[in-house]
PDB file of N, CA and C in Angstrom:
ATOM      1  N   MET A   1      10.388 -17.300  -2.237  1.00  0.00           N
ATOM      2  CA  MET A   1       9.524 -17.566  -2.782  1.00  0.00           C
ATOM      3  C   MET A   1       8.985 -16.510  -3.125  1.00  0.00           C
ATOM      4  N   ASP A   2       8.710 -16.228  -4.610  1.00  0.00           N
ATOM      5  CA  ASP A   2       8.251 -15.090  -5.236  1.00  0.00           C
ATOM      6  C   ASP A   2       6.920 -15.074  -5.576  1.00  0.00           C
ATOM      7  N   ARG A   3       6.234 -14.336  -5.042  1.00  0.00           N
ATOM      8  CA  ARG A   3       4.421 -14.548  -5.391  1.00  0.00           C
ATOM      9  C   ARG A   3       3.982 -13.486  -6.399  1.00  0.00           C
ATOM     10  N   LYS A   4       3.301 -13.379  -7.150  1.00  0.00           N
ATOM     11  CA  LYS A   4       2.190 -12.632  -7.936  1.00  0.00           C
ATOM     12  C   LYS A   4       1.964 -11.369  -7.199  1.00  0.00           C
ATOM     13  N   VAL A   5       1.914 -10.333  -7.536  1.00  0.00           N
ATOM     14  CA  VAL A   5       1.450  -9.202  -6.844  1.00  0.00           C
ATOM     15  C   VAL A   5       0.025  -8.688  -7.536  1.00  0.00           C
ATOM     16  N   ILE A   6      -0.957  -8.720  -7.342  1.00  0.00           N
ATOM     17  CA  ILE A   6      -2.098  -8.568  -7.493  1.00  0.00           C
ATOM     18  C   ILE A   6      -2.833  -6.848  -6.878  1.00  0.00           C
ATOM     19  N   VAL A   7      -3.097  -5.933  -7.744  1.00  0.00           N
ATOM     20  CA  VAL A   7      -3.565  -4.523  -7.339  1.00  0.00           C
ATOM     21  C   VAL A   7      -4.864  -4.476  -7.132  1.00  0.00           C
ATOM     22  N   SER A   8      -5.495  -4.517  -6.037  1.00  0.00           N
ATOM     23  CA  SER A   8      -7.261  -4.455  -6.253  1.00  0.00           C
ATOM     24  C   SER A   8      -7.650  -3.067  -7.036  1.00  0.00           C
ATOM     25  N   LYS A   9      -8.921  -2.959  -7.532  1.00  0.00           N
ATOM     26  CA  LYS A   9      -9.261  -1.601  -8.295  1.00  0.00           C
ATOM     27  C   LYS A   9      -9.469  -0.654  -7.061  1.00  0.00           C
ATOM     28  N   THR A  10      -9.669  -0.841  -6.165  1.00  0.00           N
ATOM     29  CA  THR A  10      -9.592   0.267  -4.893  1.00  0.00           C
ATOM     30  C   THR A  10      -8.391   1.064  -4.450  1.00  0.00           C
ATOM     31  N   ALA A  11      -7.482  -0.028  -4.343  1.00  0.00           N
ATOM     32  CA  ALA A  11      -6.039  -0.040  -4.459  1.00  0.00           C
ATOM     33  C   ALA A  11      -5.426   1.164  -5.791  1.00  0.00           C
ATOM     34  N   GLN A  12      -5.657   0.691  -6.891  1.00  0.00           N
ATOM     35  CA  GLN A  12      -5.312   1.239  -8.211  1.00  0.00           C
ATOM     36  C   GLN A  12      -5.779   2.634  -7.881  1.00  0.00           C
ATOM     37  N   LYS A  13      -7.162   2.794  -7.464  1.00  0.00           N
ATOM     38  CA  LYS A  13      -8.014   4.058  -7.584  1.00  0.00           C
ATOM     39  C   LYS A  13      -6.937   5.313  -6.680  1.00  0.00           C
ATOM     40  N   LYS A  14      -6.612   4.509  -5.275  1.00  0.00           N
ATOM     41  CA  LYS A  14      -5.962   5.389  -4.350  1.00  0.00           C
ATOM     42  C   LYS A  14      -4.718   5.504  -4.685  1.00  0.00           C
ATOM     43  N   LEU A  15      -3.895   4.847  -5.524  1.00  0.00           N
ATOM     44  CA  LEU A  15      -2.712   5.418  -5.806  1.00  0.00           C
ATOM     45  C   LEU A  15      -2.820   6.141  -6.777  1.00  0.00           C
ATOM     46  N   ASP A  16      -3.815   5.964  -7.910  1.00  0.00           N
ATOM     47  CA  ASP A  16      -3.775   7.201  -8.778  1.00  0.00           C
ATOM     48  C   ASP A  16      -4.394   8.584  -8.525  1.00  0.00           C
ATOM     49  N   GLU A  17      -5.242   8.808  -7.126  1.00  0.00           N
ATOM     50  CA  GLU A  17      -5.467   9.793  -6.845  1.00  0.00           C
ATOM     51  C   GLU A  17      -4.012  10.485  -6.088  1.00  0.00           C
ATOM     52  N   LEU A  18      -3.049   9.352  -5.318  1.00  0.00           N
ATOM     53  CA  LEU A  18      -2.189   9.948  -4.726  1.00  0.00           C
ATOM     54  C   LEU A  18      -1.197  10.448  -5.629  1.00  0.00           C
ATOM     55  N   PHE A  19      -0.885   9.620  -6.561  1.00  0.00           N
ATOM     56  CA  PHE A  19       0.216  10.047  -7.361  1.00  0.00           C
ATOM     57  C   PHE A  19      -0.341  11.715  -7.925  1.00  0.00           C
ATOM     58  N   GLU A  20      -1.417  11.864  -8.386  1.00  0.00           N
ATOM     59  CA  GLU A  20      -1.898  13.184  -9.053  1.00  0.00           C
ATOM     60  C   GLU A  20      -1.745  14.223  -7.778  1.00  0.00           C
ATOM     61  N   TYR A  21      -1.932  14.071  -6.480  1.00  0.00           N
ATOM     62  CA  TYR A  21      -1.970  15.053  -5.529  1.00  0.00           C
ATOM     63  C   TYR A  21      -0.627  14.967  -5.047  1.00  0.00           C
ATOM     64  N   LEU A  22       0.572  13.870  -5.166  1.00  0.00           N
ATOM     65  CA  LEU A  22       1.929  14.301  -5.132  1.00  0.00           C
ATOM     66  C   LEU A  22       2.397  15.436  -6.262  1.00  0.00           C
ATOM     67  N   VAL A  23       2.041  14.958  -7.339  1.00  0.00           N
ATOM     68  CA  VAL A  23       2.689  16.067  -8.277  1.00  0.00           C
ATOM     69  C   VAL A  23       1.858  17.524  -8.400  1.00  0.00           C
ATOM     70  N   ASP A  24       0.422  17.391  -8.108  1.00  0.00           N
ATOM     71  CA  ASP A  24      -0.359  18.798  -8.114  1.00  0.00           C
ATOM     72  C   ASP A  24       0.309  19.745  -6.900  1.00  0.00           C
ATOM     73  N   GLU A  25       0.246  18.902  -5.746  1.00  0.00           N
ATOM     74  CA  GLU A  25       0.859  19.805  -4.333  1.00  0.00           C
ATOM     75  C   GLU A  25       2.560  19.805  -4.070  1.00  0.00           C
ATOM     76  N   TRP A  26       3.197  18.715  -4.890  1.00  0.00           N
ATOM     77  CA  TRP A  26       4.473  19.194  -4.574  1.00  0.00           C
ATOM     78  C   TRP A  26       5.316  19.101  -5.980  1.00  0.00           C
ATOM     79  N   SER A  27       5.811  17.708  -6.668  1.00  0.00           N
ATOM     80  CA  SER A  27       6.097  17.899  -7.872  1.00  0.00           C
ATOM     81  C   SER A  27       6.437  16.576  -8.339  1.00  0.00           C
ATOM     82  N   GLU A  28       6.710  16.235  -9.662  1.00  0.00           N
ATOM     83  CA  GLU A  28       6.741  15.048 -10.216  1.00  0.00           C
ATOM     84  C   GLU A  28       7.973  14.337  -9.551  1.00  0.00           C
ATOM     85  N   ARG A  29       8.952  15.003  -9.210  1.00  0.00           N
ATOM     86  CA  ARG A  29      10.084  14.233  -8.349  1.00  0.00           C
ATOM     87  C   ARG A  29       9.798  13.496  -7.004  1.00  0.00           C
ATOM     88  N   VAL A  30       8.859  14.063  -6.222  1.00  0.00           N
ATOM     89  CA  VAL A  30       8.478  13.766  -5.059  1.00  0.00           C
ATOM     90  C   VAL A  30       7.163  12.490  -5.491  1.00  0.00           C
ATOM     91  N   LYS A  31       6.490  12.137  -6.511  1.00  0.00           N
ATOM     92  CA  LYS A  31       5.780  11.358  -6.708  1.00  0.00           C
ATOM     93  C   LYS A  31       6.737  10.100  -7.345  1.00  0.00           C
ATOM     94  N   ASN A  32       7.844  10.238  -8.206  1.00  0.00           N
ATOM     95  CA  ASN A  32       8.861   9.428  -8.355  1.00  0.00           C
ATOM     96  C   ASN A  32       9.668   8.887  -7.021  1.00  0.00           C
ATOM     97  N   LYS A  33      10.022   9.737  -6.137  1.00  0.00           N
ATOM     98  CA  LYS A  33      10.637   8.973  -5.144  1.00  0.00           C
ATOM     99  C   LYS A  33       9.494   7.948  -4.267  1.00  0.00           C
ATOM    100  N   PHE A  34       8.307   8.637  -4.011  1.00  0.00           N
ATOM    101  CA  PHE A  34       7.308   7.878  -3.365  1.00  0.00           C
ATOM    102  C   PHE A  34       7.292   6.306  -4.261  1.00  0.00           C
ATOM    103  N   ILE A  35       7.323   6.267  -5.589  1.00  0.00           N
ATOM    104  CA  ILE A  35       7.023   5.131  -6.432  1.00  0.00           C
ATOM    105  C   ILE A  35       8.307   4.192  -6.216  1.00  0.00           C
ATOM    106  N   ASP A  36       9.575   4.779  -6.092  1.00  0.00           N
ATOM    107  CA  ASP A  36      10.658   4.151  -5.557  1.00  0.00           C
ATOM    108  C   ASP A  36      10.777   3.237  -4.271  1.00  0.00           C
ATOM    109  N   LYS A  37       9.932   4.077  -3.031  1.00  0.00           N
ATOM    110  CA  LYS A  37       9.686   3.557  -1.694  1.00  0.00           C
ATOM    111  C   LYS A  37       8.759   2.316  -2.030  1.00  0.00           C
ATOM    112  N   LEU A  38       7.538   2.339  -2.903  1.00  0.00           N
ATOM    113  CA  LEU A  38       6.756   1.769  -3.067  1.00  0.00           C
ATOM    114  C   LEU A  38       7.041   0.569  -3.509  1.00  0.00           C
ATOM    115  N   ASP A  39       7.887   0.483  -4.536  1.00  0.00           N
ATOM    116  CA  ASP A  39       8.494  -0.655  -5.448  1.00  0.00           C
ATOM    117  C   ASP A  39       9.340  -1.348  -4.585  1.00  0.00           C
ATOM    118  N   LYS A  40      10.276  -0.758  -3.673  1.00  0.00           N
ATOM    119  CA  LYS A  40      11.289  -1.439  -2.807  1.00  0.00           C
ATOM    120  C   LYS A  40      10.462  -2.086  -1.605  1.00  0.00           C
ATOM    121  N   ASN A  41       9.274  -1.207  -1.299  1.00  0.00           N
ATOM    122  CA  ASN A  41       8.611  -2.328  -0.156  1.00  0.00           C
ATOM    123  C   ASN A  41       7.431  -3.524  -0.680  1.00  0.00           C
ATOM    124  N   ILE A  42       7.316  -3.193  -1.835  1.00  0.00           N
ATOM    125  CA  ILE A  42       6.569  -4.456  -2.625  1.00  0.00           C
ATOM    126  C   ILE A  42       7.492  -5.494  -2.764  1.00  0.00           C
ATOM    127  N   ASN A  43       8.573  -5.100  -3.351  1.00  0.00           N
ATOM    128  CA  ASN A  43       9.638  -6.333  -3.422  1.00  0.00           C
ATOM    129  C   ASN A  43       9.911  -6.942  -2.146  1.00  0.00           C
ATOM    130  N   ILE A  44       9.743  -6.472  -1.191  1.00  0.00           N
ATOM    131  CA  ILE A  44      10.021  -7.125  -0.023  1.00  0.00           C
ATOM    132  C   ILE A  44       9.114  -7.841   0.855  1.00  0.00           C
ATOM    133  N   ILE A  45       7.657  -7.289   0.196  1.00  0.00           N
ATOM    134  CA  ILE A  45       6.650  -7.874   0.500  1.00  0.00           C
ATOM    135  C   ILE A  45       6.393  -9.310  -0.264  1.00  0.00           C
ATOM    136  N   ARG A  46       6.542  -9.131  -1.151  1.00  0.00           N
ATOM    137  CA  ARG A  46       6.808  -9.969  -2.500  1.00  0.00           C
ATOM    138  C   ARG A  46       7.443 -11.477  -1.781  1.00  0.00           C
ATOM    139  N   THR A  47       8.781 -11.122  -1.328  1.00  0.00           N
ATOM    140  CA  THR A  47       9.335 -12.250  -0.716  1.00  0.00           C
ATOM    141  C   THR A  47       9.342 -12.708   0.829  1.00  0.00           C
ATOM    142  N   ASN A  48       8.892 -11.446   1.486  1.00  0.00           N
ATOM    143  CA  ASN A  48       8.867 -12.056   3.046  1.00  0.00           C
ATOM    144  C   ASN A  48       7.846 -11.358   3.363  1.00  0.00           C
ATOM    145  N   PRO A  49       6.458 -11.671   2.933  1.00  0.00           N
ATOM    146  CA  PRO A  49       4.828 -11.036   3.953  1.00  0.00           C
ATOM    147  C   PRO A  49       4.975 -10.911   5.183  1.00  0.00           C
ATOM    148  N   GLU A  50       5.587 -12.355   5.678  1.00  0.00           N
ATOM    149  CA  GLU A  50       5.564 -12.530   6.997  1.00  0.00           C
ATOM    150  C   GLU A  50       6.354 -11.523   7.840  1.00  0.00           C
ATOM    151  N   ALA A  51       6.980 -10.659   7.384  1.00  0.00           N
ATOM    152  CA  ALA A  51       7.690  -9.847   8.091  1.00  0.00           C
ATOM    153  C   ALA A  51       6.911  -8.580   8.756  1.00  0.00           C
ATOM    154  N   PHE A  52       5.551  -8.484   8.134  1.00  0.00           N
ATOM    155  CA  PHE A  52       5.059  -7.244   8.479  1.00  0.00           C
ATOM    156  C   PHE A  52       3.938  -7.539   9.253  1.00  0.00           C
ATOM    157  N   PRO A  53       3.500  -6.607  10.318  1.00  0.00           N
ATOM    158  CA  PRO A  53       2.624  -6.719  11.233  1.00  0.00           C
ATOM    159  C   PRO A  53       1.123  -6.886  10.596  1.00  0.00           C
ATOM    160  N   THR A  54       0.182  -7.810  11.110  1.00  0.00           N
ATOM    161  CA  THR A  54      -1.021  -8.085  10.912  1.00  0.00           C
ATOM    162  C   THR A  54      -2.012  -6.825  11.367  1.00  0.00           C
ATOM    163  N   SER A  55      -2.988  -6.161  10.408  1.00  0.00           N
ATOM    164  CA  SER A  55      -3.827  -5.292  10.729  1.00  0.00           C
ATOM    165  C   SER A  55      -4.668  -5.097  12.327  1.00  0.00           C
ATOM    166  N   ASN A  56      -4.585  -4.350  13.018  1.00  0.00           N
ATOM    167  CA  ASN A  56      -5.563  -4.418  14.256  1.00  0.00           C
ATOM    168  C   ASN A  56      -6.822  -4.021  13.906  1.00  0.00           C
ATOM    169  N   LYS A  57      -7.072  -3.231  12.807  1.00  0.00           N
ATOM    170  CA  LYS A  57      -8.196  -2.649  12.224  1.00  0.00           C
ATOM    171  C   LYS A  57      -9.370  -3.515  11.416  1.00  0.00           C
ATOM    172  N   VAL A  58      -8.369  -4.443  10.541  1.00  0.00           N
ATOM    173  CA  VAL A  58      -9.101  -5.313   9.596  1.00  0.00           C
ATOM    174  C   VAL A  58      -8.248  -6.496   9.567  1.00  0.00           C
ATOM    175  N   LYS A  59      -9.136  -7.586  10.141  1.00  0.00           N
ATOM    176  CA  LYS A  59      -9.000  -8.809  10.288  1.00  0.00           C
ATOM    177  C   LYS A  59      -8.292  -9.659   9.067  1.00  0.00           C
ATOM    178  N   GLY A  60      -7.759 -10.414   8.908  1.00  0.00           N
ATOM    179  CA  GLY A  60      -6.420 -10.853   8.166  1.00  0.00           C
ATOM    180  C   GLY A  60      -6.027  -9.928   6.844  1.00  0.00           C
ATOM    181  N   LEU A  61      -5.557  -8.831   7.109  1.00  0.00           N
ATOM    182  CA  LEU A  61      -4.756  -7.770   6.458  1.00  0.00           C
ATOM    183  C   LEU A  61      -3.579  -7.829   7.188  1.00  0.00           C
ATOM    184  N   SER A  62      -2.273  -7.557   6.349  1.00  0.00           N
ATOM    185  CA  SER A  62      -1.149  -7.043   6.873  1.00  0.00           C
ATOM    186  C   SER A  62      -1.003  -5.549   6.480  1.00  0.00           C
ATOM    187  N   ARG A  63      -0.188  -5.151   7.078  1.00  0.00           N
ATOM    188  CA  ARG A  63       0.318  -3.468   6.762  1.00  0.00           C
ATOM    189  C   ARG A  63       1.394  -3.225   6.360  1.00  0.00           C
ATOM    190  N   CYS A  64       1.941  -2.152   6.063  1.00  0.00           N
ATOM    191  CA  CYS A  64       3.165  -1.755   5.232  1.00  0.00           C
ATOM    192  C   CYS A  64       3.204  -0.323   5.422  1.00  0.00           C
ATOM    193  N   VAL A  65       3.816   0.145   6.228  1.00  0.00           N
ATOM    194  CA  VAL A  65       4.327   1.382   6.259  1.00  0.00           C
ATOM    195  C   VAL A  65       5.280   2.080   4.866  1.00  0.00           C
ATOM    196  N   ILE A  66       4.704   2.630   3.877  1.00  0.00           N
ATOM    197  CA  ILE A  66       5.614   3.161   2.687  1.00  0.00           C
ATOM    198  C   ILE A  66       6.170   4.331   2.934  1.00  0.00           C
ATOM    199  N   THR A  67       5.572   5.293   3.731  1.00  0.00           N
ATOM    200  CA  THR A  67       6.077   6.404   4.246  1.00  0.00           C
ATOM    201  C   THR A  67       5.252   6.876   5.409  1.00  0.00           C
ATOM    202  N   LYS A  68       5.389   8.072   6.051  1.00  0.00           N
ATOM    203  CA  LYS A  68       4.736   8.232   7.236  1.00  0.00           C
ATOM    204  C   LYS A  68       3.575   8.671   7.123  1.00  0.00           C
ATOM    205  N   GLN A  69       3.010   9.123   5.709  1.00  0.00           N
ATOM    206  CA  GLN A  69       1.704   9.357   5.484  1.00  0.00           C
ATOM    207  C   GLN A  69       1.075   8.312   4.984  1.00  0.00           C
ATOM    208  N   THR A  70       1.630   7.695   4.187  1.00  0.00           N
ATOM    209  CA  THR A  70       1.081   6.475   3.377  1.00  0.00           C
ATOM    210  C   THR A  70       1.487   4.953   4.199  1.00  0.00           C
ATOM    211  N   THR A  71      -0.006   4.248   4.142  1.00  0.00           N
ATOM    212  CA  THR A  71       0.352   2.599   4.732  1.00  0.00           C
ATOM    213  C   THR A  71      -0.578   1.908   3.404  1.00  0.00           C
ATOM    214  N   LEU A  72       0.218   0.765   3.252  1.00  0.00           N
ATOM    215  CA  LEU A  72      -0.426  -0.216   2.098  1.00  0.00           C
ATOM    216  C   LEU A  72      -0.575  -1.318   3.000  1.00  0.00           C
ATOM    217  N   TYR A  73      -2.040  -1.923   2.810  1.00  0.00           N
ATOM    218  CA  TYR A  73      -2.799  -3.035   3.106  1.00  0.00           C
ATOM    219  C   TYR A  73      -2.951  -4.142   2.264  1.00  0.00           C
ATOM    220  N   PHE A  74      -2.429  -5.306   2.756  1.00  0.00           N
ATOM    221  CA  PHE A  74      -2.518  -6.592   1.598  1.00  0.00           C
ATOM    222  C   PHE A  74      -2.844  -7.730   2.118  1.00  0.00           C
ATOM    223  N   ARG A  75      -2.973  -8.580   1.642  1.00  0.00           N
ATOM    224  CA  ARG A  75      -3.405  -9.854   2.301  1.00  0.00           C
ATOM    225  C   ARG A  75      -2.712 -11.010   1.509  1.00  0.00           C
ATOM    226  N   TYR A  76      -2.060 -12.108   1.804  1.00  0.00           N
ATOM    227  CA  TYR A  76      -1.386 -13.035   1.003  1.00  0.00           C
ATOM    228  C   TYR A  76      -1.490 -14.453   1.123  1.00  0.00           C
ATOM    229  N   ASN A  77      -1.313 -15.468   0.357  1.00  0.00           N
ATOM    230  CA  ASN A  77      -1.182 -16.839   0.355  1.00  0.00           C
ATOM    231  C   ASN A  77       0.257 -17.154  -0.088  1.00  0.00           C
ATOM    232  N   SER A  78       0.288 -18.493  -0.522  1.00  0.00           N
ATOM    233  CA  SER A  78       1.851 -19.043  -0.969  1.00  0.00           C
ATOM    234  C   SER A  78       1.734 -18.704  -2.334  1.00  0.00           C
ATOM    235  N   LYS A  79       0.922 -18.160  -3.150  1.00  0.00           N
ATOM    236  CA  LYS A  79       1.023 -17.733  -4.895  1.00  0.00           C
ATOM    237  C   LYS A  79       0.831 -16.496  -4.569  1.00  0.00           C
ATOM    238  N   ARG A  80       0.284 -15.592  -4.267  1.00  0.00           N
ATOM    239  CA  ARG A  80      -0.232 -14.402  -4.702  1.00  0.00           C
ATOM    240  C   ARG A  80      -0.097 -13.459  -3.185  1.00  0.00           C
ATOM    241  N   ILE A  81       0.303 -11.888  -3.719  1.00  0.00           N
ATOM    242  CA  ILE A  81      -0.012 -11.001  -2.709  1.00  0.00           C
ATOM    243  C   ILE A  81      -0.930 -10.039  -3.591  1.00  0.00           C
ATOM    244  N   GLU A  82      -1.824  -9.671  -2.583  1.00  0.00           N
ATOM    245  CA  GLU A  82      -3.059  -8.820  -3.362  1.00  0.00           C
ATOM    246  C   GLU A  82      -3.072  -7.641  -2.103  1.00  0.00           C
ATOM    247  N   VAL A  83      -2.783  -6.285  -2.930  1.00  0.00           N
ATOM    248  CA  VAL A  83      -2.671  -5.001  -2.616  1.00  0.00           C
ATOM    249  C   VAL A  83      -4.172  -4.513  -2.212  1.00  0.00           C
ATOM    250  N   VAL A  84      -4.645  -4.631  -1.282  1.00  0.00           N
ATOM    251  CA  VAL A  84      -5.950  -4.376  -0.991  1.00  0.00           C
ATOM    252  C   VAL A  84      -6.316  -2.663  -0.989  1.00  0.00           C
ATOM    253  N   THR A  85      -5.906  -2.203  -0.279  1.00  0.00           N
ATOM    254  CA  THR A  85      -5.830  -0.626  -0.439  1.00  0.00           C
ATOM    255  C   THR A  85      -4.725   0.138   0.031  1.00  0.00           C
ATOM    256  N   ILE A  86      -4.223   1.329  -0.359  1.00  0.00           N
ATOM    257  CA  ILE A  86      -3.525   2.264   0.051  1.00  0.00           C
ATOM    258  C   ILE A  86      -4.100   3.100   0.837  1.00  0.00           C
ATOM    259  N   PHE A  87      -3.591   3.400   2.172  1.00  0.00           N
ATOM    260  CA  PHE A  87      -4.532   4.403   3.437  1.00  0.00           C
ATOM    261  C   PHE A  87      -3.513   5.822   3.667  1.00  0.00           C
ATOM    262  N   ASP A  88      -4.224   6.821   3.395  1.00  0.00           N
ATOM    263  CA  ASP A  88      -3.536   7.935   3.609  1.00  0.00           C
ATOM    264  C   ASP A  88      -3.627   8.233   4.742  1.00  0.00           C
ATOM    265  N   THR A  89      -2.677   8.236   6.200  1.00  0.00           N
ATOM    266  CA  THR A  89      -2.778   7.983   7.599  1.00  0.00           C
ATOM    267  C   THR A  89      -3.227   9.626   8.005  1.00  0.00           C
ATOM    268  N   ARG A  90      -3.152  10.525   6.909  1.00  0.00           N
ATOM    269  CA  ARG A  90      -4.080  11.983   7.792  1.00  0.00           C
ATOM    270  C   ARG A  90      -5.661  11.681   7.507  1.00  0.00           C
ATOM    271  N   GLN A  91      -5.924  10.769   6.800  1.00  0.00           N
ATOM    272  CA  GLN A  91      -7.484  10.704   6.841  1.00  0.00           C
ATOM    273  C   GLN A  91      -8.037  10.080   8.029  1.00  0.00           C
ATOM    274  N   ASN A  92      -8.877  10.271   8.376  1.00  0.00           N
ATOM    275  CA  ASN A  92     -10.047   9.604   9.644  1.00  0.00           C
ATOM    276  C   ASN A  92      -9.742   8.045   9.457  1.00  0.00           C
ATOM    277  N   PRO A  93      -9.468   7.582  10.626  1.00  0.00           N
ATOM    278  CA  PRO A  93      -9.214   5.925  10.582  1.00  0.00           C
ATOM    279  C   PRO A  93     -10.259   5.320  10.515  1.00  0.00           C
ATOM    280  N   ARG A  94     -11.370   6.028  10.586  1.00  0.00           N
ATOM    281  CA  ARG A  94     -12.841   5.287  10.562  1.00  0.00           C
ATOM    282  C   ARG A  94     -13.055   4.521   8.873  1.00  0.00           C
ATOM    283  N   LYS A  95     -12.292   5.364   7.938  1.00  0.00           N
ATOM    284  CA  LYS A  95     -12.955   5.705   6.633  1.00  0.00           C
ATOM    285  C   LYS A  95     -11.976   4.131   6.048  1.00  0.00           C
ATOM    286  N   LEU A  96     -11.124   3.647   6.795  1.00  0.00           N
ATOM    287  CA  LEU A  96     -10.888   2.403   6.564  1.00  0.00           C
ATOM    288  C   LEU A  96     -11.132   1.298   6.529  1.00  0.00           C
ATOM    289  N   LYS A  97     -12.282   1.015   7.272  1.00  0.00           N
ATOM    290  CA  LYS A  97     -13.163  -0.118   7.766  1.00  0.00           C
ATOM    291  C   LYS A  97     -14.110  -0.048   6.166  1.00  0.00           C
ATOM    292  N   ARG A  98     -14.333   1.038   5.605  1.00  0.00           N
ATOM    293  CA  ARG A  98     -15.147   1.087   4.350  1.00  0.00           C
ATOM    294  C   ARG A  98     -14.542   0.559   3.014  1.00  0.00           C
ATOM    295  N   ALA A  99     -12.950   0.890   3.275  1.00  0.00           N
ATOM    296  CA  ALA A  99     -12.245   0.389   2.084  1.00  0.00           C
ATOM    297  C   ALA A  99     -12.238  -1.218   1.707  1.00  0.00           C
TER     298      ALA A  99
END
């Protein structure tokens, strides 16, 4: 089953900040490699969201590790995937509760 992917405003803001950081601190190439990993994982989520573990921090969310530093949190039903937030694992985990 192919579900529609919706990106929340929070997730889009975090992605924009992350892209800016990657370009400023590393390079456009590093940002593009991250986008490739993100796209690949979103395609897996779209077809098989049940394969990902549920979050033990926020009820009703599943999580997908994109890179060692970046985790994507999402919820899903039979019609859609909602990307709720992107979390930089270098941050304080308590911040996630406010996301």
